[in-house]
Amino acid sequence: MNRVDGPKGAGRTAGSGVVTPLHRDEPEVSEHVVVTDKQQGPPPRQFAGVDEFVDRFVLPQWRYRLDTEDVRWCARWWEHTAAMGRLEALWEAFEVMRLDDAPSMSIWYRDHFDVHMSVLTQRDGVFHRCSAERGIHEQPRLWPHEQVPPGLLSTDTTGGNDE
């Protein structure tokens, strides 16, 4: 919860809808303030979308030698579903954690940025068939799979596996 301080240290908790007097030493009368999250609204995002986040933040931060035995990147990263999922998650976490008190950004780098970027760019990762340096973009094939039988994993209790 966000704490909002008013005159003479009157405490109001943002988002709680709690009504407290503006002055602690005055009796509760008509001078009340209600602060809600709706009044504050969400803070503006630093980046308008994942594409801007990758262009203006991720790539300037992650400057490793490309196309070595260990590091891969694809110039058309947005065409890889796994990359989009991870980069969107990374961006969303960034937008939330950048507003938190320290050491939130250190935690974000350790638990989010380093982890996702290592998974994305590792030798056998999402971009393993691509080469940004040589202009090669190749989607990996989907693993073979069979369709799940109807009702087997359904929440429908009228059919499916009774084991």
C-alpha atoms as a PDB file:
ATOM      1  CA  MET A   1       0.000   0.000   0.000  1.00  0.00           C
ATOM      2  CA  ASN A   2       1.162   3.502  -0.681  1.00  0.00           C
ATOM      3  CA  ARG A   3       1.222   5.858   2.267  1.00  0.00           C
ATOM      4  CA  VAL A   4       0.039   9.384   1.581  1.00  0.00           C
ATOM      5  CA  ASP A   5       0.981  12.040   4.119  1.00  0.00           C
ATOM      6  CA  GLY A   6      -1.071  15.156   4.473  1.00  0.00           C
ATOM      7  CA  PRO A   7      -0.934  18.172   6.777  1.00  0.00           C
ATOM      8  CA  LYS A   8       0.425  17.555  10.272  1.00  0.00           C
ATOM      9  CA  GLY A   9       1.301  13.979   9.291  1.00  0.00           C
ATOM     10  CA  ALA A  10      -2.262  12.807   8.851  1.00  0.00           C
ATOM     11  CA  GLY A  11      -2.040   9.324   7.410  1.00  0.00           C
ATOM     12  CA  ARG A  12      -4.158   8.100   4.583  1.00  0.00           C
ATOM     13  CA  THR A  13      -3.503   4.801   2.914  1.00  0.00           C
ATOM     14  CA  ALA A  14      -3.780   4.944  -0.859  1.00  0.00           C
ATOM     15  CA  GLY A  15      -6.024   2.360  -2.391  1.00  0.00           C
ATOM     16  CA  SER A  16      -7.644   1.326   0.855  1.00  0.00           C
ATOM     17  CA  GLY A  17     -10.569   3.715   0.716  1.00  0.00           C
ATOM     18  CA  VAL A  18      -9.931   4.407   4.414  1.00  0.00           C
ATOM     19  CA  VAL A  19     -11.182   7.802   5.544  1.00  0.00           C
ATOM     20  CA  THR A  20      -9.106   9.544   8.198  1.00  0.00           C
ATOM     21  CA  PRO A  21      -9.166  13.094   9.518  1.00  0.00           C
ATOM     22  CA  LEU A  22      -6.652  15.535   8.067  1.00  0.00           C
ATOM     23  CA  HIS A  23      -5.519  16.604  11.537  1.00  0.00           C
ATOM     24  CA  ARG A  24      -5.082  14.050  14.308  1.00  0.00           C
ATOM     25  CA  ASP A  25      -5.767  16.536  17.083  1.00  0.00           C
ATOM     26  CA  GLU A  26      -9.126  17.606  15.648  1.00  0.00           C
ATOM     27  CA  PRO A  27     -12.294  15.614  16.069  1.00  0.00           C
ATOM     28  CA  GLU A  28     -13.689  13.773  13.063  1.00  0.00           C
ATOM     29  CA  VAL A  29     -15.962  16.162  11.267  1.00  0.00           C
ATOM     30  CA  SER A  30     -16.559  16.847   7.609  1.00  0.00           C
ATOM     31  CA  GLU A  31     -12.896  17.388   6.703  1.00  0.00           C
ATOM     32  CA  HIS A  32     -12.045  13.942   5.331  1.00  0.00           C
ATOM     33  CA  VAL A  33     -10.040  12.772   2.378  1.00  0.00           C
ATOM     34  CA  VAL A  34     -10.504   9.479   0.569  1.00  0.00           C
ATOM     35  CA  VAL A  35      -7.619   8.386  -1.607  1.00  0.00           C
ATOM     36  CA  THR A  36      -8.103   5.429  -3.935  1.00  0.00           C
ATOM     37  CA  ASP A  37      -5.986   3.796  -6.594  1.00  0.00           C
ATOM     38  CA  LYS A  38      -8.521   4.928  -9.187  1.00  0.00           C
ATOM     39  CA  GLN A  39      -7.786   8.556  -8.351  1.00  0.00           C
ATOM     40  CA  GLN A  40      -4.055   8.039  -8.681  1.00  0.00           C
ATOM     41  CA  GLY A  41      -4.155   5.915 -11.819  1.00  0.00           C
ATOM     42  CA  PRO A  42      -1.337   3.687 -12.973  1.00  0.00           C
ATOM     43  CA  PRO A  43       2.062   5.287 -13.382  1.00  0.00           C
ATOM     44  CA  PRO A  44       3.132   5.858 -16.987  1.00  0.00           C
ATOM     45  CA  ARG A  45       5.251   3.150 -18.562  1.00  0.00           C
ATOM     46  CA  GLN A  46       8.817   3.993 -19.452  1.00  0.00           C
ATOM     47  CA  PHE A  47       8.534   2.065 -22.727  1.00  0.00           C
ATOM     48  CA  ALA A  48       5.411   1.997 -24.914  1.00  0.00           C
ATOM     49  CA  GLY A  49       5.840  -1.638 -25.946  1.00  0.00           C
ATOM     50  CA  VAL A  50       8.118  -4.637 -25.909  1.00  0.00           C
ATOM     51  CA  ASP A  51       9.669  -3.569 -29.228  1.00  0.00           C
ATOM     52  CA  GLU A  52      10.753  -0.214 -27.794  1.00  0.00           C
ATOM     53  CA  PHE A  53      11.958  -1.950 -24.619  1.00  0.00           C
ATOM     54  CA  VAL A  54      14.162  -4.314 -26.652  1.00  0.00           C
ATOM     55  CA  ASP A  55      15.502  -1.562 -28.941  1.00  0.00           C
ATOM     56  CA  ARG A  56      16.172   1.079 -26.312  1.00  0.00           C
ATOM     57  CA  PHE A  57      16.991  -0.971 -23.221  1.00  0.00           C
ATOM     58  CA  VAL A  58      17.734  -4.661 -23.777  1.00  0.00           C
ATOM     59  CA  LEU A  59      20.068  -4.454 -26.778  1.00  0.00           C
ATOM     60  CA  PRO A  60      22.163  -1.559 -25.431  1.00  0.00           C
ATOM     61  CA  GLN A  61      22.552  -3.497 -22.144  1.00  0.00           C
ATOM     62  CA  TRP A  62      23.272  -6.964 -23.588  1.00  0.00           C
ATOM     63  CA  ARG A  63      26.354  -6.465 -25.778  1.00  0.00           C
ATOM     64  CA  TYR A  64      28.083  -9.786 -26.109  1.00  0.00           C
ATOM     65  CA  ARG A  65      30.011 -11.101 -29.054  1.00  0.00           C
ATOM     66  CA  LEU A  66      27.478 -12.581 -31.459  1.00  0.00           C
ATOM     67  CA  ASP A  67      27.527 -15.904 -33.235  1.00  0.00           C
ATOM     68  CA  THR A  68      30.208 -17.487 -31.139  1.00  0.00           C
ATOM     69  CA  GLU A  69      29.903 -21.050 -29.933  1.00  0.00           C
ATOM     70  CA  ASP A  70      27.916 -19.835 -26.938  1.00  0.00           C
ATOM     71  CA  VAL A  71      25.881 -16.735 -27.874  1.00  0.00           C
ATOM     72  CA  ARG A  72      23.040 -16.480 -30.387  1.00  0.00           C
ATOM     73  CA  TRP A  73      20.623 -13.676 -31.303  1.00  0.00           C
ATOM     74  CA  CYS A  74      18.076 -13.198 -34.064  1.00  0.00           C
ATOM     75  CA  ALA A  75      17.542  -9.808 -35.701  1.00  0.00           C
ATOM     76  CA  ARG A  76      13.906 -10.870 -36.204  1.00  0.00           C
ATOM     77  CA  TRP A  77      13.435 -11.847 -32.557  1.00  0.00           C
ATOM     78  CA  TRP A  78       9.733 -10.919 -32.628  1.00  0.00           C
ATOM     79  CA  GLU A  79       9.013 -13.861 -34.943  1.00  0.00           C
ATOM     80  CA  HIS A  80      10.016 -16.357 -32.255  1.00  0.00           C
ATOM     81  CA  THR A  81       7.088 -17.137 -29.955  1.00  0.00           C
ATOM     82  CA  ALA A  82       9.337 -18.184 -27.075  1.00  0.00           C
ATOM     83  CA  ALA A  83      11.354 -14.981 -27.373  1.00  0.00           C
ATOM     84  CA  MET A  84       8.225 -12.835 -27.413  1.00  0.00           C
ATOM     85  CA  GLY A  85       6.894 -14.532 -24.296  1.00  0.00           C
ATOM     86  CA  ARG A  86      10.128 -14.059 -22.384  1.00  0.00           C
ATOM     87  CA  LEU A  87      10.792 -10.500 -23.573  1.00  0.00           C
ATOM     88  CA  GLU A  88       7.233  -9.397 -22.780  1.00  0.00           C
ATOM     89  CA  ALA A  89       7.525 -10.937 -19.307  1.00  0.00           C
ATOM     90  CA  LEU A  90      10.882  -9.188 -18.877  1.00  0.00           C
ATOM     91  CA  TRP A  91       9.401  -5.851 -19.944  1.00  0.00           C
ATOM     92  CA  GLU A  92       6.358  -6.186 -17.676  1.00  0.00           C
ATOM     93  CA  ALA A  93       8.564  -7.031 -14.684  1.00  0.00           C
ATOM     94  CA  PHE A  94      10.810  -4.073 -15.512  1.00  0.00           C
ATOM     95  CA  GLU A  95       7.884  -1.633 -15.634  1.00  0.00           C
ATOM     96  CA  VAL A  96       6.705  -2.738 -12.181  1.00  0.00           C
ATOM     97  CA  MET A  97      10.046  -3.169 -10.440  1.00  0.00           C
ATOM     98  CA  ARG A  98      11.599   0.094 -11.660  1.00  0.00           C
ATOM     99  CA  LEU A  99       9.073   1.912  -9.467  1.00  0.00           C
ATOM    100  CA  ASP A 100       9.902  -0.079  -6.320  1.00  0.00           C
ATOM    101  CA  ASP A 101      12.451   0.936  -3.741  1.00  0.00           C
ATOM    102  CA  ALA A 102      16.031  -0.304  -3.873  1.00  0.00           C
ATOM    103  CA  PRO A 103      17.255  -2.976  -4.323  1.00  0.00           C
ATOM    104  CA  SER A 104      14.413  -3.871  -6.687  1.00  0.00           C
ATOM    105  CA  MET A 105      16.375  -3.149  -9.886  1.00  0.00           C
ATOM    106  CA  SER A 106      19.280  -5.244  -8.677  1.00  0.00           C
ATOM    107  CA  ILE A 107      16.831  -8.060  -8.046  1.00  0.00           C
ATOM    108  CA  TRP A 108      15.286  -7.470 -11.476  1.00  0.00           C
ATOM    109  CA  TYR A 109      18.690  -7.840 -13.157  1.00  0.00           C
ATOM    110  CA  ARG A 110      19.551 -10.970 -11.175  1.00  0.00           C
ATOM    111  CA  ASP A 111      16.177 -12.742 -11.255  1.00  0.00           C
ATOM    112  CA  HIS A 112      14.760 -11.541 -14.569  1.00  0.00           C
ATOM    113  CA  PHE A 113      17.137  -9.891 -17.058  1.00  0.00           C
ATOM    114  CA  ASP A 114      20.147 -12.183 -16.665  1.00  0.00           C
ATOM    115  CA  VAL A 115      18.007 -15.321 -16.539  1.00  0.00           C
ATOM    116  CA  HIS A 116      15.814 -14.591 -19.567  1.00  0.00           C
ATOM    117  CA  MET A 117      18.606 -13.213 -21.731  1.00  0.00           C
ATOM    118  CA  SER A 118      20.848 -16.174 -20.931  1.00  0.00           C
ATOM    119  CA  VAL A 119      18.088 -18.603 -21.878  1.00  0.00           C
ATOM    120  CA  LEU A 120      17.288 -16.691 -25.068  1.00  0.00           C
ATOM    121  CA  THR A 121      20.865 -16.318 -26.292  1.00  0.00           C
ATOM    122  CA  GLN A 122      22.455 -19.592 -25.214  1.00  0.00           C
ATOM    123  CA  ARG A 123      23.913 -21.921 -27.840  1.00  0.00           C
ATOM    124  CA  ASP A 124      20.920 -24.281 -27.833  1.00  0.00           C
ATOM    125  CA  GLY A 125      18.355 -21.612 -26.948  1.00  0.00           C
ATOM    126  CA  VAL A 126      15.508 -20.013 -28.842  1.00  0.00           C
ATOM    127  CA  PHE A 127      17.777 -18.547 -31.547  1.00  0.00           C
ATOM    128  CA  HIS A 128      19.991 -21.615 -32.032  1.00  0.00           C
ATOM    129  CA  ARG A 129      19.202 -21.813 -35.770  1.00  0.00           C
ATOM    130  CA  CYS A 130      19.614 -18.063 -36.374  1.00  0.00           C
ATOM    131  CA  SER A 131      22.588 -15.825 -36.976  1.00  0.00           C
ATOM    132  CA  ALA A 132      22.180 -12.078 -36.624  1.00  0.00           C
ATOM    133  CA  GLU A 133      25.677 -11.530 -38.014  1.00  0.00           C
ATOM    134  CA  ARG A 134      25.021 -13.588 -41.163  1.00  0.00           C
ATOM    135  CA  GLY A 135      21.387 -12.577 -41.597  1.00  0.00           C
ATOM    136  CA  ILE A 136      20.049 -16.084 -41.021  1.00  0.00           C
ATOM    137  CA  HIS A 137      16.578 -16.454 -39.554  1.00  0.00           C
ATOM    138  CA  GLU A 138      15.194 -19.940 -39.211  1.00  0.00           C
ATOM    139  CA  GLN A 139      12.359 -21.042 -36.981  1.00  0.00           C
ATOM    140  CA  PRO A 140      12.983 -24.247 -35.059  1.00  0.00           C
ATOM    141  CA  ARG A 141      10.525 -27.027 -35.791  1.00  0.00           C
ATOM    142  CA  LEU A 142       7.854 -27.911 -33.268  1.00  0.00           C
ATOM    143  CA  TRP A 143       8.490 -31.108 -31.373  1.00  0.00           C
ATOM    144  CA  PRO A 144       6.337 -34.037 -32.440  1.00  0.00           C
ATOM    145  CA  HIS A 145       3.219 -34.395 -30.344  1.00  0.00           C
ATOM    146  CA  GLU A 146      -0.194 -35.969 -30.365  1.00  0.00           C
ATOM    147  CA  GLN A 147      -3.476 -34.281 -29.580  1.00  0.00           C
ATOM    148  CA  VAL A 148      -4.807 -34.883 -26.083  1.00  0.00           C
ATOM    149  CA  PRO A 149      -7.935 -37.063 -26.226  1.00  0.00           C
ATOM    150  CA  PRO A 150     -11.129 -34.998 -25.766  1.00  0.00           C
ATOM    151  CA  GLY A 151     -12.190 -34.770 -22.113  1.00  0.00           C
ATOM    152  CA  LEU A 152      -8.974 -36.247 -20.706  1.00  0.00           C
ATOM    153  CA  LEU A 153      -7.705 -32.970 -19.257  1.00  0.00           C
ATOM    154  CA  SER A 154     -11.020 -31.164 -19.247  1.00  0.00           C
ATOM    155  CA  THR A 155     -12.630 -29.792 -16.123  1.00  0.00           C
ATOM    156  CA  ASP A 156     -15.857 -31.334 -17.435  1.00  0.00           C
ATOM    157  CA  THR A 157     -16.782 -34.066 -14.934  1.00  0.00           C
ATOM    158  CA  THR A 158     -19.135 -35.877 -17.286  1.00  0.00           C
ATOM    159  CA  GLY A 159     -16.343 -37.465 -19.301  1.00  0.00           C
ATOM    160  CA  GLY A 160     -12.676 -38.133 -19.169  1.00  0.00           C
ATOM    161  CA  ASN A 161     -10.347 -40.213 -17.082  1.00  0.00           C
ATOM    162  CA  ASP A 162     -11.905 -41.594 -13.884  1.00  0.00           C
ATOM    163  CA  GLU A 163      -8.676 -43.105 -12.541  1.00  0.00           C
END
